[in-house]
């Protein structure tokens, strides 16, 4: 995974991954509605997250939550499945 500057943010070996969870959240755009137009209340902002449960070098269980870019979220999930060999559990949007 790369940070906003393109440098590696962290590294997890594929064989240490225990589970993957993809979640998409949506919430009303209150700030935009107040500042720009009340019509923004009719839309939601969506954020995409991938939670990775893994074990570190010492064998301790760890979890990292990565916020994904909306344009590449689906391809990141597909790539995570392909590279780890694990099925990505997807949580329904509410």
C-alpha atoms as a PDB file:
ATOM      1  CA  UNK A   1       0.000   0.000   0.000  1.00  0.00           C
ATOM      2  CA  UNK A   2       1.225   3.458  -0.913  1.00  0.00           C
ATOM      3  CA  UNK A   3       0.594   6.695   0.939  1.00  0.00           C
ATOM      4  CA  UNK A   4      -0.521   9.933  -0.750  1.00  0.00           C
ATOM      5  CA  UNK A   5       3.066  10.727  -1.749  1.00  0.00           C
ATOM      6  CA  UNK A   6       3.502   7.361  -3.449  1.00  0.00           C
ATOM      7  CA  UNK A   7       5.855   5.923  -0.832  1.00  0.00           C
ATOM      8  CA  UNK A   8       5.131   2.554   0.816  1.00  0.00           C
ATOM      9  CA  UNK A   9       2.885   3.110   3.860  1.00  0.00           C
ATOM     10  CA  UNK A  10       3.311  -0.424   5.269  1.00  0.00           C
ATOM     11  CA  UNK A  11       3.977  -3.957   4.129  1.00  0.00           C
ATOM     12  CA  UNK A  12       2.209  -7.215   4.995  1.00  0.00           C
ATOM     13  CA  UNK A  13       3.284 -10.566   3.601  1.00  0.00           C
ATOM     14  CA  UNK A  14       0.501 -12.344   1.713  1.00  0.00           C
ATOM     15  CA  UNK A  15       0.820 -15.565   3.706  1.00  0.00           C
ATOM     16  CA  UNK A  16       0.338 -13.726   7.021  1.00  0.00           C
ATOM     17  CA  UNK A  17      -3.120 -12.405   6.014  1.00  0.00           C
ATOM     18  CA  UNK A  18      -5.879 -14.193   7.925  1.00  0.00           C
ATOM     19  CA  UNK A  19      -8.987 -12.342   6.671  1.00  0.00           C
ATOM     20  CA  UNK A  20     -10.078  -9.412   4.504  1.00  0.00           C
ATOM     21  CA  UNK A  21     -13.177  -7.245   4.876  1.00  0.00           C
ATOM     22  CA  UNK A  22     -14.410  -4.623   2.402  1.00  0.00           C
ATOM     23  CA  UNK A  23     -16.909  -2.025   3.583  1.00  0.00           C
ATOM     24  CA  UNK A  24     -18.505   0.943   1.885  1.00  0.00           C
ATOM     25  CA  UNK A  25     -20.067   3.639   4.054  1.00  0.00           C
ATOM     26  CA  UNK A  26     -22.378   6.448   3.037  1.00  0.00           C
ATOM     27  CA  UNK A  27     -23.420   9.553   4.909  1.00  0.00           C
ATOM     28  CA  UNK A  28     -25.373  12.672   3.956  1.00  0.00           C
ATOM     29  CA  UNK A  29     -23.395  15.692   2.781  1.00  0.00           C
ATOM     30  CA  UNK A  30     -24.438  18.156   5.498  1.00  0.00           C
ATOM     31  CA  UNK A  31     -21.559  20.618   5.084  1.00  0.00           C
ATOM     32  CA  UNK A  32     -22.103  20.960   1.348  1.00  0.00           C
ATOM     33  CA  UNK A  33     -25.844  21.433   1.887  1.00  0.00           C
ATOM     34  CA  UNK A  34     -25.266  24.287   4.346  1.00  0.00           C
ATOM     35  CA  UNK A  35     -22.557  25.992   2.295  1.00  0.00           C
ATOM     36  CA  UNK A  36     -23.627  25.363  -1.295  1.00  0.00           C
ATOM     37  CA  UNK A  37     -27.144  24.070  -1.784  1.00  0.00           C
ATOM     38  CA  UNK A  38     -29.832  22.093   0.113  1.00  0.00           C
ATOM     39  CA  UNK A  39     -29.909  19.703  -2.854  1.00  0.00           C
ATOM     40  CA  UNK A  40     -26.732  18.086  -1.501  1.00  0.00           C
ATOM     41  CA  UNK A  41     -28.891  16.492   1.239  1.00  0.00           C
ATOM     42  CA  UNK A  42     -30.264  14.212  -1.470  1.00  0.00           C
ATOM     43  CA  UNK A  43     -26.818  12.696  -2.098  1.00  0.00           C
ATOM     44  CA  UNK A  44     -24.400  10.736   0.040  1.00  0.00           C
ATOM     45  CA  UNK A  45     -20.631  10.789   0.262  1.00  0.00           C
ATOM     46  CA  UNK A  46     -19.203   7.282   0.025  1.00  0.00           C
ATOM     47  CA  UNK A  47     -16.017   6.036   1.589  1.00  0.00           C
ATOM     48  CA  UNK A  48     -14.398   2.660   0.919  1.00  0.00           C
ATOM     49  CA  UNK A  49     -12.402   0.658   3.485  1.00  0.00           C
ATOM     50  CA  UNK A  50     -10.440  -2.578   3.423  1.00  0.00           C
ATOM     51  CA  UNK A  51      -9.732  -4.198   6.799  1.00  0.00           C
ATOM     52  CA  UNK A  52      -6.863  -6.665   6.863  1.00  0.00           C
ATOM     53  CA  UNK A  53      -6.408  -9.074   9.756  1.00  0.00           C
ATOM     54  CA  UNK A  54      -2.914 -10.582   9.830  1.00  0.00           C
ATOM     55  CA  UNK A  55      -0.170 -11.883  12.090  1.00  0.00           C
ATOM     56  CA  UNK A  56       3.104  -9.996  12.466  1.00  0.00           C
ATOM     57  CA  UNK A  57       6.616 -11.502  12.660  1.00  0.00           C
ATOM     58  CA  UNK A  58       6.171 -12.303  16.373  1.00  0.00           C
ATOM     59  CA  UNK A  59       2.884 -14.149  15.741  1.00  0.00           C
ATOM     60  CA  UNK A  60       0.720 -11.419  17.298  1.00  0.00           C
ATOM     61  CA  UNK A  61      -2.660 -10.773  15.689  1.00  0.00           C
ATOM     62  CA  UNK A  62      -2.925  -7.347  14.069  1.00  0.00           C
ATOM     63  CA  UNK A  63      -5.555  -5.420  12.103  1.00  0.00           C
ATOM     64  CA  UNK A  64      -5.069  -2.525   9.721  1.00  0.00           C
ATOM     65  CA  UNK A  65      -7.873  -0.525   8.113  1.00  0.00           C
ATOM     66  CA  UNK A  66      -7.073   1.107   4.783  1.00  0.00           C
ATOM     67  CA  UNK A  67      -9.224   3.815   3.228  1.00  0.00           C
ATOM     68  CA  UNK A  68      -9.377   3.169  -0.511  1.00  0.00           C
ATOM     69  CA  UNK A  69      -9.785   5.678  -3.309  1.00  0.00           C
ATOM     70  CA  UNK A  70     -13.294   5.473  -4.763  1.00  0.00           C
ATOM     71  CA  UNK A  71     -11.944   5.095  -8.310  1.00  0.00           C
ATOM     72  CA  UNK A  72      -9.738   2.107  -7.521  1.00  0.00           C
ATOM     73  CA  UNK A  73     -11.590   0.433  -4.625  1.00  0.00           C
ATOM     74  CA  UNK A  74     -13.044  -2.441  -6.644  1.00  0.00           C
ATOM     75  CA  UNK A  75      -9.757  -3.256  -8.361  1.00  0.00           C
ATOM     76  CA  UNK A  76      -7.955  -3.144  -4.985  1.00  0.00           C
ATOM     77  CA  UNK A  77     -10.421  -5.687  -3.572  1.00  0.00           C
ATOM     78  CA  UNK A  78      -9.995  -7.979  -6.593  1.00  0.00           C
ATOM     79  CA  UNK A  79      -6.218  -7.689  -6.352  1.00  0.00           C
ATOM     80  CA  UNK A  80      -6.259  -8.432  -2.607  1.00  0.00           C
ATOM     81  CA  UNK A  81      -8.246 -11.621  -3.263  1.00  0.00           C
ATOM     82  CA  UNK A  82      -5.955 -12.706  -6.090  1.00  0.00           C
ATOM     83  CA  UNK A  83      -2.705 -12.040  -4.260  1.00  0.00           C
ATOM     84  CA  UNK A  84      -3.657 -13.500  -0.867  1.00  0.00           C
ATOM     85  CA  UNK A  85      -5.832 -16.378  -2.087  1.00  0.00           C
ATOM     86  CA  UNK A  86      -8.428 -15.376   0.495  1.00  0.00           C
ATOM     87  CA  UNK A  87     -12.021 -14.381  -0.164  1.00  0.00           C
ATOM     88  CA  UNK A  88     -12.803 -10.743   0.706  1.00  0.00           C
ATOM     89  CA  UNK A  89     -15.906 -10.536   2.875  1.00  0.00           C
ATOM     90  CA  UNK A  90     -18.103  -7.632   1.812  1.00  0.00           C
ATOM     91  CA  UNK A  91     -20.345  -5.806   4.263  1.00  0.00           C
ATOM     92  CA  UNK A  92     -23.660  -4.559   2.884  1.00  0.00           C
ATOM     93  CA  UNK A  93     -24.062  -0.790   2.711  1.00  0.00           C
ATOM     94  CA  UNK A  94     -26.791   0.518   4.996  1.00  0.00           C
END
